């Protein structure tokens, strides 16, 4: 289970959950609340799945920057896409640092 992995890595598991495809309804939200989770949405969608090519991933980075410019703070990117992992994440982290912001990922840098 994902919670077991978080427990091994962090010593606890977070009580926040982004629902698959950002789809929810009353039943889902009630079940998540009963399990103790806080459901979160996203304010920056990189659409990295549309740009999983070294020649296209810049489009996802530009989308990230534009949505960050207008106040976005919770990013959706997919670790199953090679170019997200190898290119996009590092560029997003560099952009965050260059703006003097701090990303949550930096708390887990020892992974």
N, C-alpha and C. Protein backbone atom coordinates (compact mmCIF):
# COMPACT_ATOMS: atom_id res chain seq x y z
N UNK A 1 0.83 -1.19 0.00
CA UNK A 1 0.00 0.00 0.00
C UNK A 1 0.87 1.25 0.00
N UNK A 2 0.36 2.30 -0.62
CA UNK A 2 1.10 3.55 -0.67
C UNK A 2 1.39 4.08 0.74
N UNK A 3 0.42 3.94 1.64
CA UNK A 3 0.63 4.41 3.01
C UNK A 3 1.81 3.72 3.67
N UNK A 4 2.00 2.43 3.38
CA UNK A 4 3.13 1.69 3.94
C UNK A 4 4.46 2.27 3.45
N UNK A 5 4.51 2.65 2.17
CA UNK A 5 5.73 3.25 1.62
C UNK A 5 6.02 4.59 2.29
N UNK A 6 4.98 5.43 2.44
CA UNK A 6 5.16 6.70 3.13
C UNK A 6 5.64 6.46 4.56
N UNK A 7 5.07 5.48 5.22
CA UNK A 7 5.44 5.18 6.59
C UNK A 7 6.93 4.80 6.66
N UNK A 8 7.40 4.00 5.73
CA UNK A 8 8.82 3.61 5.72
C UNK A 8 9.73 4.79 5.43
N UNK A 9 9.32 5.63 4.50
CA UNK A 9 10.18 6.75 4.07
C UNK A 9 10.12 7.91 5.05
N UNK A 10 8.89 8.29 5.46
CA UNK A 10 8.71 9.49 6.27
C UNK A 10 8.54 9.22 7.76
N UNK A 11 8.11 8.01 8.07
CA UNK A 11 7.80 7.71 9.46
C UNK A 11 6.34 7.96 9.79
N UNK A 12 5.57 8.41 8.84
CA UNK A 12 4.14 8.64 8.97
C UNK A 12 3.55 8.66 7.57
N UNK A 13 2.25 8.66 7.47
CA UNK A 13 1.67 8.85 6.14
C UNK A 13 0.77 10.07 6.15
N UNK A 14 0.82 10.80 5.05
CA UNK A 14 0.04 12.04 4.99
C UNK A 14 -1.45 11.76 4.90
N UNK A 15 -2.22 12.67 5.38
CA UNK A 15 -3.68 12.54 5.38
C UNK A 15 -4.31 13.38 4.28
N UNK A 16 -3.57 13.59 3.22
CA UNK A 16 -4.07 14.37 2.09
C UNK A 16 -4.12 13.46 0.86
N UNK A 17 -5.14 13.67 0.04
CA UNK A 17 -5.32 12.80 -1.11
C UNK A 17 -5.84 13.60 -2.29
N UNK A 18 -5.18 13.41 -3.44
CA UNK A 18 -5.72 13.94 -4.69
C UNK A 18 -6.43 12.77 -5.35
N UNK A 19 -7.71 12.94 -5.58
CA UNK A 19 -8.49 11.86 -6.16
C UNK A 19 -8.12 11.65 -7.62
N UNK A 20 -8.13 10.41 -8.08
CA UNK A 20 -7.82 10.14 -9.48
C UNK A 20 -8.73 10.94 -10.41
N UNK A 21 -8.11 11.54 -11.40
CA UNK A 21 -8.81 12.36 -12.40
C UNK A 21 -9.54 13.55 -11.77
N UNK A 22 -9.26 13.83 -10.51
CA UNK A 22 -9.89 14.94 -9.78
C UNK A 22 -11.41 14.80 -9.72
N UNK A 23 -11.89 13.58 -9.79
CA UNK A 23 -13.32 13.30 -9.81
C UNK A 23 -13.79 12.93 -8.41
N UNK A 24 -14.86 13.58 -7.98
CA UNK A 24 -15.43 13.25 -6.68
C UNK A 24 -16.93 13.48 -6.69
N UNK A 25 -17.55 12.95 -5.67
CA UNK A 25 -18.97 13.20 -5.43
C UNK A 25 -19.17 13.09 -3.91
N UNK A 26 -20.37 13.24 -3.47
CA UNK A 26 -20.63 13.23 -2.04
C UNK A 26 -20.18 11.91 -1.40
N UNK A 27 -20.46 10.79 -2.03
CA UNK A 27 -20.11 9.48 -1.48
C UNK A 27 -18.60 9.35 -1.31
N UNK A 28 -17.87 9.74 -2.33
CA UNK A 28 -16.40 9.67 -2.28
C UNK A 28 -15.86 10.58 -1.18
N UNK A 29 -16.35 11.81 -1.14
CA UNK A 29 -15.87 12.76 -0.13
C UNK A 29 -16.21 12.29 1.28
N UNK A 30 -17.39 11.70 1.45
CA UNK A 30 -17.78 11.18 2.76
C UNK A 30 -16.87 10.02 3.17
N UNK A 31 -16.57 9.13 2.23
CA UNK A 31 -15.69 7.99 2.53
C UNK A 31 -14.29 8.47 2.87
N UNK A 32 -13.78 9.43 2.13
CA UNK A 32 -12.44 9.96 2.42
C UNK A 32 -12.41 10.63 3.79
N UNK A 33 -13.44 11.37 4.12
CA UNK A 33 -13.51 12.01 5.43
C UNK A 33 -13.56 10.96 6.54
N UNK A 34 -14.31 9.91 6.32
CA UNK A 34 -14.41 8.84 7.32
C UNK A 34 -13.05 8.17 7.54
N UNK A 35 -12.25 8.09 6.49
CA UNK A 35 -10.91 7.52 6.60
C UNK A 35 -9.89 8.51 7.14
N UNK A 36 -10.31 9.75 7.34
CA UNK A 36 -9.43 10.76 7.91
C UNK A 36 -8.62 11.55 6.89
N UNK A 37 -8.97 11.46 5.63
CA UNK A 37 -8.24 12.18 4.59
C UNK A 37 -8.86 13.54 4.30
N UNK A 38 -8.00 14.48 3.93
CA UNK A 38 -8.42 15.78 3.40
C UNK A 38 -8.20 15.69 1.90
N UNK A 39 -9.23 15.92 1.12
CA UNK A 39 -9.13 15.85 -0.33
C UNK A 39 -8.61 17.18 -0.84
N UNK A 40 -7.59 17.13 -1.68
CA UNK A 40 -7.02 18.34 -2.26
C UNK A 40 -7.19 18.32 -3.77
N UNK A 41 -7.27 19.49 -4.33
CA UNK A 41 -7.33 19.64 -5.78
C UNK A 41 -5.99 20.11 -6.29
N UNK A 42 -5.97 20.65 -7.47
CA UNK A 42 -4.75 21.20 -8.04
C UNK A 42 -5.04 22.59 -8.58
N UNK A 43 -4.01 23.41 -8.59
CA UNK A 43 -4.17 24.74 -9.17
C UNK A 43 -3.19 24.95 -10.33
N UNK A 44 -2.33 23.97 -10.56
CA UNK A 44 -1.43 23.97 -11.71
C UNK A 44 -1.46 22.57 -12.31
N UNK A 45 -1.98 22.47 -13.51
CA UNK A 45 -2.00 21.19 -14.22
C UNK A 45 -1.02 21.30 -15.38
N UNK A 46 0.10 20.61 -15.28
CA UNK A 46 1.16 20.71 -16.29
C UNK A 46 0.79 20.05 -17.62
N UNK A 47 -0.23 19.19 -17.61
CA UNK A 47 -0.61 18.44 -18.82
C UNK A 47 0.59 17.69 -19.39
N UNK A 48 1.46 17.23 -18.49
CA UNK A 48 2.68 16.55 -18.91
C UNK A 48 2.42 15.30 -19.72
N UNK A 49 1.30 14.65 -19.51
CA UNK A 49 0.96 13.46 -20.27
C UNK A 49 0.75 13.77 -21.75
N UNK A 50 0.45 15.02 -22.07
CA UNK A 50 0.29 15.43 -23.47
C UNK A 50 1.63 15.78 -24.12
N UNK A 51 2.66 15.95 -23.31
CA UNK A 51 3.95 16.45 -23.79
C UNK A 51 5.11 15.55 -23.40
N UNK A 52 4.88 14.25 -23.30
CA UNK A 52 5.92 13.33 -22.84
C UNK A 52 6.90 13.00 -23.97
N UNK A 53 7.62 14.01 -24.36
CA UNK A 53 8.62 13.90 -25.41
C UNK A 53 9.65 14.99 -25.11
N UNK A 54 10.94 14.68 -25.25
CA UNK A 54 11.94 15.70 -24.93
C UNK A 54 11.75 17.00 -25.71
N UNK A 55 11.19 16.92 -26.92
CA UNK A 55 10.97 18.12 -27.72
C UNK A 55 9.70 18.87 -27.39
N UNK A 56 8.85 18.28 -26.53
CA UNK A 56 7.57 18.92 -26.20
C UNK A 56 7.42 19.27 -24.73
N UNK A 57 8.23 18.67 -23.85
CA UNK A 57 8.03 18.84 -22.41
C UNK A 57 8.13 20.31 -22.00
N UNK A 58 8.80 21.14 -22.82
CA UNK A 58 8.87 22.57 -22.52
C UNK A 58 7.49 23.20 -22.46
N UNK A 59 6.53 22.64 -23.20
CA UNK A 59 5.16 23.17 -23.16
C UNK A 59 4.56 23.00 -21.76
N UNK A 60 4.84 21.88 -21.13
CA UNK A 60 4.36 21.66 -19.76
C UNK A 60 5.04 22.60 -18.78
N UNK A 61 6.32 22.86 -19.01
CA UNK A 61 7.04 23.79 -18.15
C UNK A 61 6.48 25.20 -18.29
N UNK A 62 6.21 25.63 -19.51
CA UNK A 62 5.63 26.96 -19.73
C UNK A 62 4.25 27.06 -19.09
N UNK A 63 3.46 25.98 -19.18
CA UNK A 63 2.15 25.96 -18.54
C UNK A 63 2.31 26.09 -17.03
N UNK A 64 3.28 25.40 -16.47
CA UNK A 64 3.59 25.50 -15.04
C UNK A 64 3.92 26.95 -14.68
N UNK A 65 4.82 27.57 -15.43
CA UNK A 65 5.23 28.94 -15.13
C UNK A 65 4.06 29.92 -15.21
N UNK A 66 3.24 29.80 -16.24
CA UNK A 66 2.09 30.69 -16.39
C UNK A 66 1.10 30.53 -15.25
N UNK A 67 0.83 29.30 -14.86
CA UNK A 67 -0.13 29.06 -13.78
C UNK A 67 0.46 29.44 -12.42
N UNK A 68 1.77 29.34 -12.28
CA UNK A 68 2.44 29.83 -11.07
C UNK A 68 2.33 31.35 -11.00
N UNK A 69 2.47 32.00 -12.16
CA UNK A 69 2.36 33.47 -12.22
C UNK A 69 1.01 33.98 -11.72
N UNK A 70 -0.04 33.22 -11.93
CA UNK A 70 -1.38 33.68 -11.52
C UNK A 70 -1.80 33.12 -10.16
N UNK A 71 -0.83 32.59 -9.40
CA UNK A 71 -1.11 32.19 -8.03
C UNK A 71 -1.29 30.70 -7.78
N UNK A 72 -1.07 29.88 -8.80
CA UNK A 72 -1.17 28.44 -8.59
C UNK A 72 -0.13 27.95 -7.60
N UNK A 73 -0.46 26.89 -6.86
CA UNK A 73 0.49 26.41 -5.87
C UNK A 73 0.51 24.88 -5.70
N UNK A 74 -0.53 24.20 -6.13
CA UNK A 74 -0.56 22.74 -6.02
C UNK A 74 -0.46 22.18 -7.44
N UNK A 75 0.64 21.46 -7.70
CA UNK A 75 1.00 21.06 -9.06
C UNK A 75 0.60 19.61 -9.32
N UNK A 76 0.04 19.38 -10.50
CA UNK A 76 -0.25 18.03 -10.96
C UNK A 76 0.74 17.67 -12.06
N UNK A 77 1.55 16.66 -11.79
CA UNK A 77 2.49 16.09 -12.76
C UNK A 77 2.55 14.60 -12.45
N UNK A 78 2.91 13.82 -13.43
CA UNK A 78 2.81 12.36 -13.32
C UNK A 78 4.18 11.70 -13.36
N UNK A 79 4.53 11.00 -12.28
CA UNK A 79 5.84 10.36 -12.22
C UNK A 79 5.96 9.11 -13.09
N UNK A 80 4.93 8.74 -13.80
CA UNK A 80 5.00 7.60 -14.71
C UNK A 80 5.47 8.02 -16.10
N UNK A 81 5.65 9.32 -16.32
CA UNK A 81 6.11 9.81 -17.61
C UNK A 81 7.59 10.17 -17.53
N UNK A 82 8.38 9.54 -18.36
CA UNK A 82 9.84 9.67 -18.32
C UNK A 82 10.31 11.11 -18.36
N UNK A 83 9.77 11.90 -19.26
CA UNK A 83 10.27 13.27 -19.40
C UNK A 83 9.81 14.18 -18.27
N UNK A 84 8.73 13.81 -17.61
CA UNK A 84 8.34 14.53 -16.40
C UNK A 84 9.41 14.32 -15.34
N UNK A 85 9.80 13.08 -15.16
CA UNK A 85 10.78 12.72 -14.13
C UNK A 85 12.16 13.28 -14.46
N UNK A 86 12.58 13.11 -15.71
CA UNK A 86 13.95 13.46 -16.07
C UNK A 86 14.15 14.94 -16.39
N UNK A 87 13.10 15.63 -16.82
CA UNK A 87 13.28 17.02 -17.27
C UNK A 87 12.38 18.00 -16.51
N UNK A 88 11.09 17.74 -16.51
CA UNK A 88 10.13 18.71 -16.00
C UNK A 88 10.30 19.01 -14.51
N UNK A 89 10.44 17.98 -13.71
CA UNK A 89 10.52 18.20 -12.26
C UNK A 89 11.71 19.07 -11.89
N UNK A 90 12.87 18.78 -12.46
CA UNK A 90 14.06 19.58 -12.15
C UNK A 90 13.86 21.03 -12.58
N UNK A 91 13.27 21.24 -13.74
CA UNK A 91 13.02 22.61 -14.20
C UNK A 91 12.01 23.32 -13.30
N UNK A 92 10.97 22.62 -12.85
CA UNK A 92 10.00 23.24 -11.94
C UNK A 92 10.66 23.61 -10.63
N UNK A 93 11.51 22.72 -10.09
CA UNK A 93 12.20 23.01 -8.83
C UNK A 93 13.15 24.20 -8.99
N UNK A 94 13.86 24.28 -10.11
CA UNK A 94 14.74 25.42 -10.35
C UNK A 94 13.94 26.72 -10.43
N UNK A 95 12.78 26.66 -11.08
CA UNK A 95 11.93 27.85 -11.19
C UNK A 95 11.43 28.29 -9.81
N UNK A 96 11.02 27.34 -9.01
CA UNK A 96 10.55 27.63 -7.66
C UNK A 96 11.66 28.30 -6.86
N UNK A 97 12.86 27.72 -6.92
CA UNK A 97 14.00 28.30 -6.19
C UNK A 97 14.33 29.69 -6.70
N UNK A 98 14.31 29.88 -8.03
CA UNK A 98 14.68 31.19 -8.59
C UNK A 98 13.69 32.28 -8.17
N UNK A 99 12.47 31.89 -7.85
CA UNK A 99 11.46 32.85 -7.39
C UNK A 99 11.49 33.05 -5.88
N UNK A 100 12.38 32.32 -5.21
CA UNK A 100 12.47 32.43 -3.77
C UNK A 100 11.37 31.68 -3.05
N UNK A 101 10.72 30.77 -3.74
CA UNK A 101 9.66 29.97 -3.14
C UNK A 101 10.24 28.67 -2.60
N UNK A 102 9.47 27.98 -1.80
CA UNK A 102 9.90 26.70 -1.25
C UNK A 102 8.85 25.66 -1.60
N UNK A 103 9.28 24.60 -2.24
CA UNK A 103 8.37 23.52 -2.59
C UNK A 103 8.31 22.48 -1.50
N UNK A 104 7.17 21.83 -1.40
CA UNK A 104 7.02 20.75 -0.42
C UNK A 104 8.01 19.63 -0.68
N UNK A 105 8.34 19.38 -1.94
CA UNK A 105 9.26 18.31 -2.28
C UNK A 105 10.61 18.52 -1.60
N UNK A 106 10.98 19.76 -1.36
CA UNK A 106 12.28 20.02 -0.74
C UNK A 106 12.35 19.45 0.67
N UNK A 107 11.21 19.23 1.31
CA UNK A 107 11.20 18.61 2.64
C UNK A 107 11.63 17.16 2.57
N UNK A 108 11.48 16.55 1.40
CA UNK A 108 11.79 15.12 1.25
C UNK A 108 13.03 14.91 0.41
N UNK A 109 13.90 15.89 0.35
CA UNK A 109 15.08 15.84 -0.52
C UNK A 109 16.02 14.70 -0.18
N UNK A 110 15.92 14.14 1.00
CA UNK A 110 16.81 13.05 1.38
C UNK A 110 16.42 11.73 0.78
N UNK A 111 15.28 11.69 0.07
CA UNK A 111 14.88 10.43 -0.57
C UNK A 111 15.95 10.04 -1.49
